[in-house]
Amino acid sequence: MVLVLESTVSQRNQLTRVEAPVVTVVESSVTATSIPVTWTSGGSEGVSYVVEWAYGGECPGISGGSQNIGVGGGREYTIEDLEEYITYSITVRASNSLGSVDSTPVDGRTSEARPSAAPIDVTADGASTTITVQWGNVPCIHQNGQITSYSLQYGVEGSGNTQTLISTGNGAEISGLVTSTKYTVQVAAITSAGVGEYSDPQLIVNTETAINLSIVAATTTSILIQWDVIEEAQGSIMPSGYNISYRNIEYTDCFTDSGTISIPTDSLGGSYNIVGLEEGTDYAITVALLMDGAATDRKTVLQATAEAAPSAPPSEVMVTSVTFSTITVVLGEVPCADQNGAITGYSVQYRVMGSGNTQTVAVDGDSNGGMGTISGLGAATMYEYQVAGRTSAGPGEYSSPMTTLTSVGAPTVIDSSVGAFSISISWTSSGPVVERYEVEWQRDTSGECPNEHTDSATVSGGSERSYDITDLFGDSSYSIRVSAMNAAGSAISDPLVISTAEAAPTAPPASLSAHRVTPSSFTVQWGRVPCIHRNGDITGYSVLVRGNGSMDVNGPDVLTTDISGLVSDTMYLVQVAGVNGQGTGVYRDLTVSTPQTVYLSIGAENLPHKWLCKHPSTGQLH
């Protein structure tokens, strides 16, 4: 056991990882259903292989596969049961106990074979001495090669004799035939390997041209057609009747409108009225002879029924924007089955809600819808409107009434009266449906006095259009604006700039004080009246001294004056007020007491100098 284990370990130590094989397609041996391949060695010992093939094209029904080639199984393999003329991607995987590695994929294509199926959708129409044949492609899984052309076999039915016509396209015309004769036609595809499977025989009857089809009249829902009547047999075959077919060629995405009527040759003469059609719709109408049960010698004309007004309103009406004088609407399409012709536009009927005066405006559009604006409307007004599609026959069915409120118009502010501390204003109406007005005012702060004064007030309801602005400052410039509002929006007036009247100052000087007080005089000093309360230009100040009279101090910048001739040891009430062109304002009070005079009794003999004294009563000097 020990010896065997050592031998196995030794063998594994001698193994190396496999190498990627190099795959080669043996082109000389490729067939329509097989591809042989060979590959180089992936290693010296213990290597197995897996051959894999896959199809990456677009043809459905084709699959790949794989084959395991065991150790010692060789390095060649033929892939079989493949589809004809198909390219496969081929890979070989080499493996041993140390791992595996794939080769680089190579392409191999099977050789061509005859097509294994006929072309699809073969149709044939006969007229006089020709047969026109059309067909589709052979399904790709059955093409088995590059289709280079098509073989048409045709011959008189039951004769056993056929002729062949080669065509490189998907249609051909067989000419030189005998009139009034039954023919069979078959089509097959051709590759380099030969002709493939033929289609089922098509039976066609050729007749002389016997139909001269024309339109007699068309209404909105009917078309009257007329054609030449077959009175004698054509050749050896007598028509048994007529086949009339019609097909809507315009609105096939909306409804299928078609039909077929078969009538004998001795019925209805050579005319027929097709009824129950759609309004304003293009139709293809075909009349064919029935020869031994088969329709042939077809004649086709195109005719439209007369247009009618649309029988339904637009599918959607959406308001996209509203102003004080316009409403913009976007319209959906009229359902195509109800258009009854080419939609050339839309009509919008509108009126003030509750009124009987209806107006109509045209809106641009087509069968896909439209967009337009109703203009010249009144501000803040509720409008009722309906929309209809329009054809050459006129507007159709209108939609149910809808309502939209226009936005308010901007009011115009009018000043009614101006006082020193109030401004009464009024304004024009912004429309019938106004929820409220808002009045805003702001004092001009650009002058000498920068104090701000901004406020607003709401006037509910749309009928009240005046307001008294109070508690203003005198001799001040105010900007006043009025906003109107309703559910559709708002609008604001242009500002009205107006000034309040002057008034006497409504506040005293900012300060008042006395200086250099003596028994008989003192000096009074005061501050300016606060600018917001001056209510006009200050021209001077009024100074009152109770018990000593009054005086006027002229000039706005003179803020002091001397009071003299007073009595010592006396209390005085001093009042100062600003004065402007409208009068004297509010006084500020100050109480000032003069000091007591002190007398000294000194003997004359003791006076070193000569003194003079003023008698307190007479004022004389001694």
Foldseek 3Di string as FASTA:
>chain_A
DVVVVVVVVVVVVPFDFWAAKAKDWPVVPFAQFKIKMFIDGRGDFQKWKKKWKAADDDAPDAGIGMDTQGTVNHGMDMDGRHFAFGKIWMKMWIDGPVGIDIHDTDIDTHYAAAFADFFADWDWAAEAFKIKIFTHGDRPSRRRADFQWKWKWKDFPPPPDIDIDIGRDRIDMDGPHHAQTKMWIWMFTAHPNGTYDIDDIDIYHYFYQQWDKDWDDAAQFKTKIFIGADDDATPPWRFQWKKKKKWFPPPVVQDTDIDIDTDGSVPPHGMDMGGRHHAATKMKMWMFTQTPNDTHNIDIDIDTHHAAAFAFFFPDKDWDAFAQFKTKIWTAARRPSRRRHWFQWKKKWKDFPPDDDIDIDTFGDTRGTTIDMDGRHHGQTKMKMWMFTADPNGTYDTDDIDIDTHHWDAKAKAWDDAAQFKTKIFIDARDDHWFKKKKKKWWDQPDPHNDIDIDMDIGGDRPDTIDMGGRHFAQIKMWMKMKTGDPNGIHIYHTDIDHHHAAAFAFFFPAKDWAPFAQFKIKIFTHARRPSRRNADFQWKKKAKVPQGTDTGGDRPDGMDMGGRHHAQAKIKIWMFTADPHGTYDIDIDIDHHHHDDDDDDDPVPDPDDDWDADNPPRDID
